[in-house]
Every structure is written in structure tokens, then in C-alpha cells.
Amino acid sequence: PNYMSGTHWATSPAIDCSGCSGNWNLQFWKRLGVEYHYYDHAYIQVKNPQGNWVQIYSSVGTINDGSYQFVTYNIANYVQNNPAFQVRFGLGSTDGSVTYTGWNIDDIKIFSIQHFVIVAVCSLHTKFR
């Protein structure tokens, strides 16, 4: 998307992880297309137990995934004892010189590594505008 003046977010619902402990991962399939980071920006943030958004990914350089890529982030420090954990994907600001696809995200999973139990599968159907 071109000419986005600020960051637009696709945000998960809040997940009660107040009793969560151990090691936790965020996994998903992504196909990202953004121009060089001086012009276009893509982010992933999670909400920590104190209620603050923490950036765990920021695009660097030009990214033009030709196909979906499977990615994993360790988010244990943000999930543990968090009564309102959330994840969000941001796009923007962007310029208008070159058009890329932006975020394409599928099969988001947040799970405990120790127990191999998926506690939440978030389905985000938000368009970046």
C-alpha cells in the first residue's frame, strides 16, 4: 500500500496468560513485501505484562518474499503472567514510489514449547488502510 502517513495495525484479541509460565513461541507464515526501510516500514509488537507494546520485529532493507516463509519468535518474557497478552502487525508509514504487497500473514500460533499445547490461534482479518 502506498502513501500511508502512519502505522496501521492488525491486532489480536487479548489472551489471558496470567497463569502461563515457561517458554512460549509465536509462529506464523508470512509473505512480506516492503521497500527499503527508509521508505516503507513493517513491524511486529507484543503487549508485555505491564501493558506496554514491545517491538520484536522491524523491517530492514527491501523485503520481497517470493513465497510464504515460516517464522518463529520466542515471546516467553511477554507471555508469562500476562493477563492481557496481545500481538499486532504494523505497516506504514509508506511512500508512493514503488508498490509492494505489505503483510500477508497466515496460521498464527502462540504456544508453550514445554507442553506442546496451543493456547491460542488468532485469526486476524484486518485490512491495512
Protein backbone atom coordinates (compact mmCIF):
# COMPACT_ATOMS: atom_id res chain seq x y z
CA PRO A 1 0.00 0.00 0.00
CA ASN A 2 1.24 3.46 -0.91
CA TYR A 3 1.12 6.83 0.87
CA MET A 4 0.35 5.53 4.36
CA SER A 5 1.09 8.53 6.58
CA GLY A 6 1.37 6.47 9.78
CA THR A 7 1.40 2.90 11.04
CA HIS A 8 -1.77 0.83 10.65
CA TRP A 9 -2.15 -2.22 12.90
CA ALA A 10 -3.81 -5.65 12.74
CA THR A 11 -4.21 -6.56 16.41
CA SER A 12 -5.16 -9.85 18.07
CA PRO A 13 -7.75 -10.08 20.80
CA ALA A 14 -6.39 -10.06 24.36
CA ILE A 15 -5.41 -13.51 25.68
CA ASP A 16 -5.39 -14.19 29.44
CA CYS A 17 -1.96 -15.68 30.14
CA SER A 18 -1.88 -14.77 33.84
CA GLY A 19 -1.17 -18.42 34.75
CA CYS A 20 1.34 -19.02 31.96
CA SER A 21 4.95 -19.91 32.67
CA GLY A 22 7.84 -21.48 30.80
CA ASN A 23 8.93 -20.98 27.22
CA TRP A 24 6.45 -19.61 24.64
CA ASN A 25 6.67 -19.07 20.89
CA LEU A 26 4.83 -17.03 18.31
CA GLN A 27 4.74 -18.82 14.92
CA PHE A 28 3.12 -17.91 11.64
CA TRP A 29 3.51 -17.99 7.88
CA LYS A 30 4.34 -14.64 6.30
CA ARG A 31 4.83 -13.20 2.88
CA LEU A 32 6.09 -9.67 3.31
CA GLY A 33 6.79 -7.07 0.67
CA VAL A 34 8.12 -3.64 1.68
CA GLU A 35 10.53 -1.21 0.09
CA TYR A 36 13.81 -0.19 1.75
CA HIS A 37 13.23 0.75 5.40
CA TYR A 38 13.80 4.46 4.81
CA TYR A 39 10.60 4.46 2.72
CA ASP A 40 8.37 1.62 3.96
CA HIS A 41 8.03 0.10 7.43
CA ALA A 42 6.72 -3.22 8.80
CA TYR A 43 6.60 -4.15 12.48
CA ILE A 44 5.55 -6.85 14.93
CA GLN A 45 4.79 -5.86 18.50
CA VAL A 46 3.58 -7.75 21.57
CA LYS A 47 1.98 -6.41 24.73
CA ASN A 48 4.03 -7.13 27.86
CA PRO A 49 2.60 -7.86 31.34
CA GLN A 50 2.88 -4.16 32.23
CA GLY A 51 0.55 -3.28 29.33
CA ASN A 52 3.21 -1.73 27.08
CA TRP A 53 3.78 -2.57 23.41
CA VAL A 54 7.25 -4.02 22.73
CA GLN A 55 8.68 -4.30 19.24
CA ILE A 56 10.01 -7.77 18.37
CA TYR A 57 10.46 -7.16 14.62
CA SER A 58 11.19 -4.19 12.39
CA SER A 59 11.85 -4.50 8.67
CA VAL A 60 15.36 -3.68 7.47
CA GLY A 61 16.20 -3.19 3.81
CA THR A 62 13.90 -4.15 0.97
CA ILE A 63 11.90 -7.32 1.63
CA ASN A 64 10.06 -9.02 -1.20
CA ASP A 65 9.26 -12.59 -0.16
CA GLY A 66 8.52 -14.61 -3.29
CA SER A 67 6.59 -17.19 -1.30
CA TYR A 68 5.35 -17.73 2.23
CA GLN A 69 8.06 -18.13 4.89
CA PHE A 70 7.57 -19.90 8.24
CA VAL A 71 8.84 -17.76 11.15
CA THR A 72 9.15 -18.25 14.91
CA TYR A 73 9.74 -15.71 17.69
CA ASN A 74 10.39 -16.54 21.33
CA ILE A 75 7.91 -14.46 23.33
CA ALA A 76 8.25 -16.08 26.79
CA ASN A 77 9.18 -12.81 28.52
CA TYR A 78 5.97 -11.18 27.28
CA VAL A 79 3.51 -14.06 27.77
CA GLN A 80 4.43 -15.21 31.29
CA ASN A 81 1.97 -13.90 33.91
CA ASN A 82 0.36 -11.57 31.38
CA PRO A 83 -3.37 -11.07 31.97
CA ALA A 84 -3.89 -9.40 28.57
CA PHE A 85 -1.28 -10.61 26.07
CA GLN A 86 -1.68 -9.36 22.50
CA VAL A 87 0.28 -9.39 19.26
CA ARG A 88 -0.04 -6.90 16.42
CA PHE A 89 1.36 -6.49 12.93
CA GLY A 90 2.06 -2.98 11.68
CA LEU A 91 2.52 -1.49 8.24
CA GLY A 92 3.48 2.10 7.50
CA SER A 93 4.42 4.70 7.01
CA THR A 94 5.00 4.10 3.29
CA ASP A 95 5.85 6.28 0.33
CA GLY A 96 4.47 6.04 -3.20
CA SER A 97 7.49 5.39 -5.40
CA VAL A 98 7.28 1.57 -5.52
CA THR A 99 4.33 -0.68 -4.64
CA TYR A 100 4.90 -3.88 -2.66
CA THR A 101 2.40 -6.33 -1.15
CA GLY A 102 2.81 -5.40 2.53
CA TRP A 103 1.95 -8.06 5.13
CA ASN A 104 0.36 -11.38 4.19
CA ILE A 105 0.02 -13.47 7.36
CA ASP A 106 -1.48 -16.91 7.96
CA ASP A 107 -1.79 -19.58 10.68
CA ILE A 108 -0.75 -17.53 13.70
CA LYS A 109 0.02 -19.72 16.73
CA ILE A 110 1.02 -18.86 20.28
CA PHE A 111 2.09 -21.94 22.22
CA SER A 112 4.08 -23.36 25.09
CA ILE A 113 7.18 -25.25 24.00
CA GLN A 114 7.31 -27.44 27.13
CA HIS A 115 3.78 -28.76 26.83
CA PHE A 116 3.25 -28.57 23.07
CA VAL A 117 -0.19 -27.16 23.72
CA ILE A 118 -1.56 -24.42 21.56
CA VAL A 119 -3.35 -21.99 23.85
CA ALA A 120 -4.48 -19.59 21.18
CA VAL A 121 -4.78 -19.47 17.45
CA CYS A 122 -5.63 -15.94 16.45
CA SER A 123 -7.34 -15.19 13.20
CA LEU A 124 -6.77 -11.61 12.14
CA HIS A 125 -8.90 -10.39 9.27
CA THR A 126 -7.86 -6.77 9.24
CA LYS A 127 -7.02 -4.83 6.11
CA PHE A 128 -4.34 -2.17 6.30
CA ARG A 129 -5.80 1.12 5.09
